[in-house]
Amino acid sequence: GRISNIERPGLMTTLPVVKGEGGVDFIDLGANAESKPEY
């Protein structure tokens, strides 16, 4: 089930970064082929 007030869930992954041990969270990766600004 979808959380209230989130119209379209998104798919997210954490990518490695060149410097340091952290990462970058990248969303949406294709859960929705078409999007609206609100998404």
Full PDB file with SEQRES, HELIX, SHEET, SSBOND, CRYST1, ORIGX, SCALE, CONECT and MASTER records, all heavy atoms in Angstrom:
SEQRES   1 A   39  GLY ARG ILE SER ASN ILE GLU ARG PRO GLY LEU MET THR          
SEQRES   2 A   39  THR LEU PRO VAL VAL LYS GLY GLU GLY GLY VAL ASP PHE          
SEQRES   3 A   39  ILE ASP LEU GLY ALA ASN ALA GLU SER LYS PRO GLU TYR          
SHEET    1 AA1 2 MET A  12  PRO A  16  0                                        
SHEET    2 AA1 2 GLY A  23  ILE A  27 -1                                        
CRYST1    1.000    1.000    1.000  90.00  90.00  90.00 P 1           1          
ORIGX1      1.000000  0.000000  0.000000        0.00000                         
ORIGX2      0.000000  1.000000  0.000000        0.00000                         
ORIGX3      0.000000  0.000000  1.000000        0.00000                         
SCALE1      1.000000  0.000000  0.000000        0.00000                         
SCALE2      0.000000  1.000000  0.000000        0.00000                         
SCALE3      0.000000  0.000000  1.000000        0.00000                         
ATOM      1  N   GLY A   1       0.777  -1.233   0.000  1.00  0.00           N  
ATOM      2  CA  GLY A   1       0.000   0.000   0.000  1.00  0.00           C  
ATOM      3  C   GLY A   1       0.806   1.280   0.000  1.00  0.00           C  
ATOM      4  O   GLY A   1       1.917   1.345   0.532  1.00  0.00           O  
ATOM      5  N   ARG A   2       0.233   2.287  -0.610  1.00  0.00           N  
ATOM      6  CA  ARG A   2       0.846   3.606  -0.731  1.00  0.00           C  
ATOM      7  C   ARG A   2       0.579   4.430   0.528  1.00  0.00           C  
ATOM      8  O   ARG A   2      -0.500   4.383   1.113  1.00  0.00           O  
ATOM      9  CB  ARG A   2       0.268   4.291  -1.975  1.00  0.00           C  
ATOM     10  CG  ARG A   2       0.722   5.701  -2.231  1.00  0.00           C  
ATOM     11  CD  ARG A   2       0.158   6.186  -3.565  1.00  0.00           C  
ATOM     12  NE  ARG A   2      -1.282   5.997  -3.628  1.00  0.00           N  
ATOM     13  CZ  ARG A   2      -2.166   6.859  -3.174  1.00  0.00           C  
ATOM     14  NH1 ARG A   2      -1.770   7.964  -2.575  1.00  0.00           N  
ATOM     15  NH2 ARG A   2      -3.460   6.623  -3.301  1.00  0.00           N  
ATOM     16  N   ILE A   3       1.553   5.215   0.935  1.00  0.00           N  
ATOM     17  CA  ILE A   3       1.398   6.122   2.073  1.00  0.00           C  
ATOM     18  C   ILE A   3       0.489   7.275   1.666  1.00  0.00           C  
ATOM     19  O   ILE A   3       0.580   7.793   0.547  1.00  0.00           O  
ATOM     20  CB  ILE A   3       2.773   6.654   2.534  1.00  0.00           C  
ATOM     21  CG1 ILE A   3       3.625   5.507   3.102  1.00  0.00           C  
ATOM     22  CG2 ILE A   3       2.621   7.753   3.575  1.00  0.00           C  
ATOM     23  CD1 ILE A   3       5.069   5.877   3.374  1.00  0.00           C  
ATOM     24  N   SER A   4      -0.379   7.701   2.559  1.00  0.00           N  
ATOM     25  CA  SER A   4      -1.313   8.793   2.281  1.00  0.00           C  
ATOM     26  C   SER A   4      -0.581  10.051   1.826  1.00  0.00           C  
ATOM     27  O   SER A   4       0.492  10.393   2.359  1.00  0.00           O  
ATOM     28  CB  SER A   4      -2.130   9.125   3.533  1.00  0.00           C  
ATOM     29  OG  SER A   4      -2.913   8.020   3.921  1.00  0.00           O  
ATOM     30  N   ASN A   5      -1.154  10.711   0.836  1.00  0.00           N  
ATOM     31  CA  ASN A   5      -0.651  11.976   0.295  1.00  0.00           C  
ATOM     32  C   ASN A   5       0.614  11.836  -0.547  1.00  0.00           C  
ATOM     33  O   ASN A   5       1.218  12.845  -0.921  1.00  0.00           O  
ATOM     34  CB  ASN A   5      -0.418  13.010   1.401  1.00  0.00           C  
ATOM     35  CG  ASN A   5      -1.721  13.423   2.054  1.00  0.00           C  
ATOM     36  OD1 ASN A   5      -2.706  13.677   1.377  1.00  0.00           O  
ATOM     37  ND2 ASN A   5      -1.736  13.448   3.382  1.00  0.00           N  
ATOM     38  N   ILE A   6       1.025  10.601  -0.832  1.00  0.00           N  
ATOM     39  CA  ILE A   6       2.069  10.374  -1.824  1.00  0.00           C  
ATOM     40  C   ILE A   6       1.375   9.763  -3.035  1.00  0.00           C  
ATOM     41  O   ILE A   6       0.925   8.620  -2.995  1.00  0.00           O  
ATOM     42  CB  ILE A   6       3.169   9.429  -1.293  1.00  0.00           C  
ATOM     43  CG1 ILE A   6       3.886  10.073  -0.108  1.00  0.00           C  
ATOM     44  CG2 ILE A   6       4.168   9.091  -2.408  1.00  0.00           C  
ATOM     45  CD1 ILE A   6       4.935   9.194   0.532  1.00  0.00           C  
ATOM     46  N   GLU A   7       1.266  10.555  -4.091  1.00  0.00           N  
ATOM     47  CA  GLU A   7       0.482  10.111  -5.241  1.00  0.00           C  
ATOM     48  C   GLU A   7       1.168   8.969  -5.989  1.00  0.00           C  
ATOM     49  O   GLU A   7       0.527   7.998  -6.385  1.00  0.00           O  
ATOM     50  CB  GLU A   7       0.240  11.284  -6.194  1.00  0.00           C  
ATOM     51  CG  GLU A   7      -0.820  10.989  -7.240  1.00  0.00           C  
ATOM     52  CD  GLU A   7      -1.217  12.220  -8.020  1.00  0.00           C  
ATOM     53  OE1 GLU A   7      -0.921  13.345  -7.553  1.00  0.00           O  
ATOM     54  OE2 GLU A   7      -1.830  12.080  -9.093  1.00  0.00           O  
ATOM     55  N   ARG A   8       2.475   9.069  -6.180  1.00  0.00           N  
ATOM     56  CA  ARG A   8       3.223   8.047  -6.908  1.00  0.00           C  
ATOM     57  C   ARG A   8       4.540   7.741  -6.190  1.00  0.00           C  
ATOM     58  O   ARG A   8       5.426   8.591  -6.146  1.00  0.00           O  
ATOM     59  CB  ARG A   8       3.531   8.520  -8.331  1.00  0.00           C  
ATOM     60  CG  ARG A   8       2.312   8.674  -9.229  1.00  0.00           C  
ATOM     61  CD  ARG A   8       1.734   7.332  -9.608  1.00  0.00           C  
ATOM     62  NE  ARG A   8       0.568   7.481 -10.473  1.00  0.00           N  
ATOM     63  CZ  ARG A   8       0.619   7.561 -11.795  1.00  0.00           C  
ATOM     64  NH1 ARG A   8       1.791   7.496 -12.415  1.00  0.00           N  
ATOM     65  NH2 ARG A   8      -0.476   7.699 -12.506  1.00  0.00           N  
ATOM     66  N   PRO A   9       4.698   6.563  -5.613  1.00  0.00           N  
ATOM     67  CA  PRO A   9       5.990   6.183  -5.026  1.00  0.00           C  
ATOM     68  C   PRO A   9       7.087   6.191  -6.081  1.00  0.00           C  
ATOM     69  O   PRO A   9       6.827   6.031  -7.280  1.00  0.00           O  
ATOM     70  CB  PRO A   9       5.725   4.766  -4.510  1.00  0.00           C  
ATOM     71  CG  PRO A   9       4.253   4.731  -4.267  1.00  0.00           C  
ATOM     72  CD  PRO A   9       3.658   5.560  -5.369  1.00  0.00           C  
ATOM     73  N   GLY A  10       8.317   6.383  -5.637  1.00  0.00           N  
ATOM     74  CA  GLY A  10       9.464   6.403  -6.543  1.00  0.00           C  
ATOM     75  C   GLY A  10      10.507   5.379  -6.155  1.00  0.00           C  
ATOM     76  O   GLY A  10      10.618   4.992  -4.986  1.00  0.00           O  
ATOM     77  N   LEU A  11      11.266   4.927  -7.137  1.00  0.00           N  
ATOM     78  CA  LEU A  11      12.316   3.940  -6.898  1.00  0.00           C  
ATOM     79  C   LEU A  11      13.638   4.668  -6.699  1.00  0.00           C  
ATOM     80  O   LEU A  11      14.018   5.521  -7.510  1.00  0.00           O  
ATOM     81  CB  LEU A  11      12.408   2.999  -8.096  1.00  0.00           C  
ATOM     82  CG  LEU A  11      13.115   1.651  -7.920  1.00  0.00           C  
ATOM     83  CD1 LEU A  11      12.444   0.818  -6.831  1.00  0.00           C  
ATOM     84  CD2 LEU A  11      13.120   0.886  -9.238  1.00  0.00           C  
ATOM     85  N   MET A  12      14.340   4.337  -5.625  1.00  0.00           N  
ATOM     86  CA  MET A  12      15.554   5.071  -5.256  1.00  0.00           C  
ATOM     87  C   MET A  12      16.704   4.122  -4.949  1.00  0.00           C  
ATOM     88  O   MET A  12      16.505   3.072  -4.330  1.00  0.00           O  
ATOM     89  CB  MET A  12      15.291   5.936  -4.023  1.00  0.00           C  
ATOM     90  CG  MET A  12      16.430   6.854  -3.613  1.00  0.00           C  
ATOM     91  SD  MET A  12      16.146   7.590  -1.993  1.00  0.00           S  
ATOM     92  CE  MET A  12      16.539   6.187  -0.935  1.00  0.00           C  
ATOM     93  N   THR A  13      17.908   4.507  -5.367  1.00  0.00           N  
ATOM     94  CA  THR A  13      19.095   3.751  -4.991  1.00  0.00           C  
ATOM     95  C   THR A  13      20.154   4.717  -4.489  1.00  0.00           C  
ATOM     96  O   THR A  13      20.094   5.925  -4.751  1.00  0.00           O  
ATOM     97  CB  THR A  13      19.647   2.936  -6.177  1.00  0.00           C  
ATOM     98  OG1 THR A  13      20.587   1.972  -5.689  1.00  0.00           O  
ATOM     99  CG2 THR A  13      20.333   3.826  -7.216  1.00  0.00           C  
ATOM    100  N   THR A  14      21.130   4.183  -3.759  1.00  0.00           N  
ATOM    101  CA  THR A  14      22.253   4.991  -3.285  1.00  0.00           C  
ATOM    102  C   THR A  14      23.476   4.652  -4.123  1.00  0.00           C  
ATOM    103  O   THR A  14      23.942   3.513  -4.120  1.00  0.00           O  
ATOM    104  CB  THR A  14      22.542   4.730  -1.793  1.00  0.00           C  
ATOM    105  OG1 THR A  14      21.356   4.976  -1.025  1.00  0.00           O  
ATOM    106  CG2 THR A  14      23.659   5.631  -1.293  1.00  0.00           C  
ATOM    107  N   LEU A  15      23.975   5.643  -4.853  1.00  0.00           N  
ATOM    108  CA  LEU A  15      25.136   5.459  -5.713  1.00  0.00           C  
ATOM    109  C   LEU A  15      26.406   5.875  -4.985  1.00  0.00           C  
ATOM    110  O   LEU A  15      26.375   6.793  -4.152  1.00  0.00           O  
ATOM    111  CB  LEU A  15      24.986   6.295  -6.989  1.00  0.00           C  
ATOM    112  CG  LEU A  15      23.794   5.959  -7.893  1.00  0.00           C  
ATOM    113  CD1 LEU A  15      23.693   6.998  -9.013  1.00  0.00           C  
ATOM    114  CD2 LEU A  15      23.935   4.568  -8.471  1.00  0.00           C  
ATOM    115  N   PRO A  16      27.538   5.243  -5.289  1.00  0.00           N  
ATOM    116  CA  PRO A  16      28.801   5.662  -4.671  1.00  0.00           C  
ATOM    117  C   PRO A  16      29.257   7.000  -5.239  1.00  0.00           C  
ATOM    118  O   PRO A  16      28.905   7.360  -6.362  1.00  0.00           O  
ATOM    119  CB  PRO A  16      29.770   4.534  -5.071  1.00  0.00           C  
ATOM    120  CG  PRO A  16      29.213   4.021  -6.360  1.00  0.00           C  
ATOM    121  CD  PRO A  16      27.717   4.112  -6.224  1.00  0.00           C  
ATOM    122  N   VAL A  17      30.025   7.741  -4.467  1.00  0.00           N  
ATOM    123  CA  VAL A  17      30.592   8.996  -4.949  1.00  0.00           C  
ATOM    124  C   VAL A  17      32.104   8.858  -5.070  1.00  0.00           C  
ATOM    125  O   VAL A  17      32.717   7.997  -4.431  1.00  0.00           O  
ATOM    126  CB  VAL A  17      30.237  10.175  -4.019  1.00  0.00           C  
ATOM    127  CG1 VAL A  17      28.750  10.459  -4.078  1.00  0.00           C  
ATOM    128  CG2 VAL A  17      30.669   9.907  -2.583  1.00  0.00           C  
ATOM    129  N   VAL A  18      32.703   9.708  -5.894  1.00  0.00           N  
ATOM    130  CA  VAL A  18      34.133   9.594  -6.185  1.00  0.00           C  
ATOM    131  C   VAL A  18      34.976   9.839  -4.950  1.00  0.00           C  
ATOM    132  O   VAL A  18      35.931   9.107  -4.671  1.00  0.00           O  
ATOM    133  CB  VAL A  18      34.521  10.588  -7.305  1.00  0.00           C  
ATOM    134  CG1 VAL A  18      36.035  10.599  -7.505  1.00  0.00           C  
ATOM    135  CG2 VAL A  18      33.812  10.222  -8.601  1.00  0.00           C  
ATOM    136  N   LYS A  19      34.628  10.858  -4.170  1.00  0.00           N  
ATOM    137  CA  LYS A  19      35.404  11.189  -2.979  1.00  0.00           C  
ATOM    138  C   LYS A  19      34.627  10.817  -1.723  1.00  0.00           C  
ATOM    139  O   LYS A  19      33.421  11.026  -1.643  1.00  0.00           O  
ATOM    140  CB  LYS A  19      35.733  12.681  -2.954  1.00  0.00           C  
ATOM    141  CG  LYS A  19      36.701  13.116  -4.047  1.00  0.00           C  
ATOM    142  CD  LYS A  19      37.036  14.595  -3.910  1.00  0.00           C  
ATOM    143  CE  LYS A  19      38.013  15.029  -4.989  1.00  0.00           C  
ATOM    144  NZ  LYS A  19      38.350  16.472  -4.873  1.00  0.00           N  
ATOM    145  N   GLY A  20      35.341  10.278  -0.737  1.00  0.00           N  
ATOM    146  CA  GLY A  20      34.719   9.952   0.533  1.00  0.00           C  
ATOM    147  C   GLY A  20      34.015   8.603   0.511  1.00  0.00           C  
ATOM    148  O   GLY A  20      34.002   7.895  -0.490  1.00  0.00           O  
ATOM    149  N   GLU A  21      33.409   8.266   1.634  1.00  0.00           N  
ATOM    150  CA  GLU A  21      32.749   6.977   1.788  1.00  0.00           C  
ATOM    151  C   GLU A  21      31.233   7.077   1.719  1.00  0.00           C  
ATOM    152  O   GLU A  21      30.541   6.106   1.893  1.00  0.00           O  
ATOM    153  CB  GLU A  21      33.150   6.365   3.150  1.00  0.00           C  
ATOM    154  CG  GLU A  21      34.636   6.061   3.278  1.00  0.00           C  
ATOM    155  CD  GLU A  21      35.113   5.066   2.238  1.00  0.00           C  
ATOM    156  OE1 GLU A  21      34.375   4.117   1.925  1.00  0.00           O  
ATOM    157  OE2 GLU A  21      36.234   5.240   1.730  1.00  0.00           O  
ATOM    158  N   GLY A  22      30.726   8.266   1.498  1.00  0.00           N  
ATOM    159  CA  GLY A  22      29.287   8.447   1.458  1.00  0.00           C  
ATOM    160  C   GLY A  22      28.694   8.023   0.124  1.00  0.00           C  
ATOM    161  O   GLY A  22      29.279   7.251  -0.636  1.00  0.00           O  
ATOM    162  N   GLY A  23      27.531   8.560  -0.175  1.00  0.00           N  
ATOM    163  CA  GLY A  23      26.871   8.220  -1.420  1.00  0.00           C  
ATOM    164  C   GLY A  23      25.860   9.289  -1.771  1.00  0.00           C  
ATOM    165  O   GLY A  23      25.749  10.308  -1.090  1.00  0.00           O  
ATOM    166  N   VAL A  24      25.129   9.055  -2.845  1.00  0.00           N  
ATOM    167  CA  VAL A  24      24.078   9.979  -3.263  1.00  0.00           C  
ATOM    168  C   VAL A  24      22.814   9.184  -3.542  1.00  0.00           C  
ATOM    169  O   VAL A  24      22.845   8.185  -4.253  1.00  0.00           O  
ATOM    170  CB  VAL A  24      24.509  10.805  -4.498  1.00  0.00           C  
ATOM    171  CG1 VAL A  24      24.970   9.908  -5.637  1.00  0.00           C  
ATOM    172  CG2 VAL A  24      23.380  11.713  -4.967  1.00  0.00           C  
ATOM    173  N   ASP A  25      21.712   9.597  -2.948  1.00  0.00           N  
ATOM    174  CA  ASP A  25      20.432   8.927  -3.146  1.00  0.00           C  
ATOM    175  C   ASP A  25      19.780   9.491  -4.411  1.00  0.00           C  
ATOM    176  O   ASP A  25      19.558  10.707  -4.507  1.00  0.00           O  
ATOM    177  CB  ASP A  25      19.526   9.143  -1.935  1.00  0.00           C  
ATOM    178  CG  ASP A  25      20.097   8.496  -0.685  1.00  0.00           C  
ATOM    179  OD1 ASP A  25      20.629   7.389  -0.794  1.00  0.00           O  
ATOM    180  OD2 ASP A  25      20.011   9.118   0.392  1.00  0.00           O  
ATOM    181  N   PHE A  26      19.467   8.606  -5.362  1.00  0.00           N  
ATOM    182  CA  PHE A  26      18.975   8.991  -6.682  1.00  0.00           C  
ATOM    183  C   PHE A  26      17.562   8.453  -6.867  1.00  0.00           C  
ATOM    184  O   PHE A  26      17.346   7.242  -6.801  1.00  0.00           O  
ATOM    185  CB  PHE A  26      19.932   8.417  -7.737  1.00  0.00           C  
ATOM    186  CG  PHE A  26      19.720   8.915  -9.136  1.00  0.00           C  
ATOM    187  CD1 PHE A  26      19.030  10.083  -9.394  1.00  0.00           C  
ATOM    188  CD2 PHE A  26      20.231   8.190 -10.203  1.00  0.00           C  
ATOM    189  CE1 PHE A  26      18.845  10.523 -10.696  1.00  0.00           C  
ATOM    190  CE2 PHE A  26      20.056   8.628 -11.509  1.00  0.00           C  
ATOM    191  CZ  PHE A  26      19.362   9.803 -11.751  1.00  0.00           C  
ATOM    192  N   ILE A  27      16.585   9.336  -7.074  1.00  0.00           N  
ATOM    193  CA  ILE A  27      15.171   8.981  -7.172  1.00  0.00           C  
ATOM    194  C   ILE A  27      14.490   9.898  -8.192  1.00  0.00           C  
ATOM    195  O   ILE A  27      14.783  11.076  -8.224  1.00  0.00           O  
ATOM    196  CB  ILE A  27      14.498   9.100  -5.787  1.00  0.00           C  
ATOM    197  CG1 ILE A  27      13.018   8.728  -5.835  1.00  0.00           C  
ATOM    198  CG2 ILE A  27      14.658  10.488  -5.193  1.00  0.00           C  
ATOM    199  CD1 ILE A  27      12.352   8.651  -4.434  1.00  0.00           C  
ATOM    200  N   ASP A  28      13.710   9.428  -9.109  1.00  0.00           N  
ATOM    201  CA  ASP A  28      13.074   8.153  -9.350  1.00  0.00           C  
ATOM    202  C   ASP A  28      13.836   7.433 -10.459  1.00  0.00           C  
ATOM    203  O   ASP A  28      14.235   8.050 -11.439  1.00  0.00           O  
ATOM    204  CB  ASP A  28      11.612   8.398  -9.725  1.00  0.00           C  
ATOM    205  CG  ASP A  28      10.840   7.171 -10.142  1.00  0.00           C  
ATOM    206  OD1 ASP A  28      11.142   6.075  -9.659  1.00  0.00           O  
ATOM    207  OD2 ASP A  28       9.932   7.301 -10.973  1.00  0.00           O  
ATOM    208  N   LEU A  29      13.969   6.116 -10.339  1.00  0.00           N  
ATOM    209  CA  LEU A  29      14.746   5.331 -11.290  1.00  0.00           C  
ATOM    210  C   LEU A  29      13.876   4.576 -12.289  1.00  0.00           C  
ATOM    211  O   LEU A  29      14.377   3.696 -12.975  1.00  0.00           O  
ATOM    212  CB  LEU A  29      15.628   4.338 -10.527  1.00  0.00           C  
ATOM    213  CG  LEU A  29      16.540   4.950  -9.475  1.00  0.00           C  
ATOM    214  CD1 LEU A  29      17.342   3.878  -8.785  1.00  0.00           C  
ATOM    215  CD2 LEU A  29      17.450   5.998 -10.096  1.00  0.00           C  
ATOM    216  N   GLY A  30      12.601   4.912 -12.355  1.00  0.00           N  
ATOM    217  CA  GLY A  30      11.760   4.266 -13.347  1.00  0.00           C  
ATOM    218  C   GLY A  30      10.456   3.688 -12.826  1.00  0.00           C  
ATOM    219  O   GLY A  30       9.776   2.959 -13.551  1.00  0.00           O  
ATOM    220  N   ALA A  31      10.106   3.998 -11.595  1.00  0.00           N  
ATOM    221  CA  ALA A  31       8.812   3.519 -11.098  1.00  0.00           C  
ATOM    222  C   ALA A  31       7.671   4.167 -11.872  1.00  0.00           C  
ATOM    223  O   ALA A  31       6.601   3.587 -12.030  1.00  0.00           O  
ATOM    224  CB  ALA A  31       8.671   3.823  -9.608  1.00  0.00           C  
ATOM    225  N   ASN A  32       7.933   5.379 -12.395  1.00  0.00           N  
ATOM    226  CA  ASN A  32       6.919   6.113 -13.159  1.00  0.00           C  
ATOM    227  C   ASN A  32       7.550   6.641 -14.447  1.00  0.00           C  
ATOM    228  O   ASN A  32       8.484   7.440 -14.396  1.00  0.00           O  
ATOM    229  CB  ASN A  32       6.378   7.287 -12.339  1.00  0.00           C  
ATOM    230  CG  ASN A  32       5.859   6.854 -10.984  1.00  0.00           C  
ATOM    231  OD1 ASN A  32       4.794   6.268 -10.873  1.00  0.00           O  
ATOM    232  ND2 ASN A  32       6.643   7.105  -9.947  1.00  0.00           N  
ATOM    233  N   ALA A  33       7.050   6.196 -15.576  1.00  0.00           N  
ATOM    234  CA  ALA A  33       7.587   6.661 -16.857  1.00  0.00           C  
ATOM    235  C   ALA A  33       7.230   8.124 -17.105  1.00  0.00           C  
ATOM    236  O   ALA A  33       7.977   8.855 -17.757  1.00  0.00           O  
ATOM    237  CB  ALA A  33       7.057   5.792 -17.996  1.00  0.00           C  
ATOM    238  N   GLU A  34       6.080   8.559 -16.589  1.00  0.00           N  
ATOM    239  CA  GLU A  34       5.660   9.943 -16.722  1.00  0.00           C  
ATOM    240  C   GLU A  34       5.500  10.541 -15.330  1.00  0.00           C  
ATOM    241  O   GLU A  34       5.034   9.870 -14.409  1.00  0.00           O  
ATOM    242  CB  GLU A  34       4.347  10.040 -17.500  1.00  0.00           C  
ATOM    243  CG  GLU A  34       4.462   9.529 -18.936  1.00  0.00           C  
ATOM    244  CD  GLU A  34       3.151   9.655 -19.688  1.00  0.00           C  
ATOM    245  OE1 GLU A  34       2.177  10.173 -19.109  1.00  0.00           O  
ATOM    246  OE2 GLU A  34       3.115   9.221 -20.857  1.00  0.00           O  
ATOM    247  N   SER A  35       5.877  11.801 -15.200  1.00  0.00           N  
ATOM    248  CA  SER A  35       5.847  12.430 -13.882  1.00  0.00           C  
ATOM    249  C   SER A  35       5.191  13.800 -13.935  1.00  0.00           C  
ATOM    250  O   SER A  35       5.058  14.412 -14.997  1.00  0.00           O  
ATOM    251  CB  SER A  35       7.267  12.583 -13.329  1.00  0.00           C  
ATOM    252  OG  SER A  35       7.845  11.330 -13.057  1.00  0.00           O  
ATOM    253  N   LYS A  36       4.801  14.264 -12.754  1.00  0.00           N  
ATOM    254  CA  LYS A  36       4.307  15.621 -12.565  1.00  0.00           C  
ATOM    255  C   LYS A  36       5.276  16.336 -11.613  1.00  0.00           C  
ATOM    256  O   LYS A  36       5.997  15.680 -10.841  1.00  0.00           O  
ATOM    257  CB  LYS A  36       2.912  15.603 -11.945  1.00  0.00           C  
ATOM    258  CG  LYS A  36       1.832  14.971 -12.809  1.00  0.00           C  
ATOM    259  CD  LYS A  36       0.500  14.985 -12.076  1.00  0.00           C  
ATOM    260  CE  LYS A  36      -0.598  14.331 -12.900  1.00  0.00           C  
ATOM    261  NZ  LYS A  36      -1.896  14.313 -12.173  1.00  0.00           N  
ATOM    262  N   PRO A  37       5.298  17.657 -11.620  1.00  0.00           N  
ATOM    263  CA  PRO A  37       6.182  18.385 -10.698  1.00  0.00           C  
ATOM    264  C   PRO A  37       5.949  17.984  -9.239  1.00  0.00           C  
ATOM    265  O   PRO A  37       6.896  17.906  -8.454  1.00  0.00           O  
ATOM    266  CB  PRO A  37       5.806  19.852 -10.940  1.00  0.00           C  
ATOM    267  CG  PRO A  37       5.281  19.883 -12.335  1.00  0.00           C  
ATOM    268  CD  PRO A  37       4.580  18.573 -12.527  1.00  0.00           C  
ATOM    269  N   GLU A  38       4.690  17.704  -8.889  1.00  0.00           N  
ATOM    270  CA  GLU A  38       4.366  17.329  -7.501  1.00  0.00           C  
ATOM    271  C   GLU A  38       5.027  16.014  -7.104  1.00  0.00           C  
ATOM    272  O   GLU A  38       5.404  15.833  -5.943  1.00  0.00           O  
ATOM    273  CB  GLU A  38       2.845  17.216  -7.333  1.00  0.00           C  
ATOM    274  CG  GLU A  38       2.105  18.534  -7.442  1.00  0.00           C  
ATOM    275  CD  GLU A  38       1.890  18.997  -8.878  1.00  0.00           C  
ATOM    276  OE1 GLU A  38       2.173  18.215  -9.824  1.00  0.00           O  
ATOM    277  OE2 GLU A  38       1.451  20.144  -9.055  1.00  0.00           O  
ATOM    278  N   TYR A  39       5.177  15.098  -8.077  1.00  0.00           N  
ATOM    279  CA  TYR A  39       5.845  13.831  -7.769  1.00  0.00           C  
ATOM    280  C   TYR A  39       7.296  14.103  -7.360  1.00  0.00           C  
ATOM    281  O   TYR A  39       7.805  13.542  -6.386  1.00  0.00           O  
ATOM    282  CB  TYR A  39       5.871  12.897  -8.976  1.00  0.00           C  
ATOM    283  CG  TYR A  39       4.538  12.481  -9.539  1.00  0.00           C  
ATOM    284  CD1 TYR A  39       4.477  11.748 -10.724  1.00  0.00           C  
ATOM    285  CD2 TYR A  39       3.333  12.809  -8.919  1.00  0.00           C  
ATOM    286  CE1 TYR A  39       3.268  11.350 -11.265  1.00  0.00           C  
ATOM    287  CE2 TYR A  39       2.116  12.424  -9.454  1.00  0.00           C  
ATOM    288  CZ  TYR A  39       2.087  11.698 -10.632  1.00  0.00           C  
ATOM    289  OH  TYR A  39       0.899  11.316 -11.183  1.00  0.00           O  
TER     290      TYR A  39                                                      
MASTER        0    0    0    0    2    0    0    6  289    1    0    3          
END                                                                             
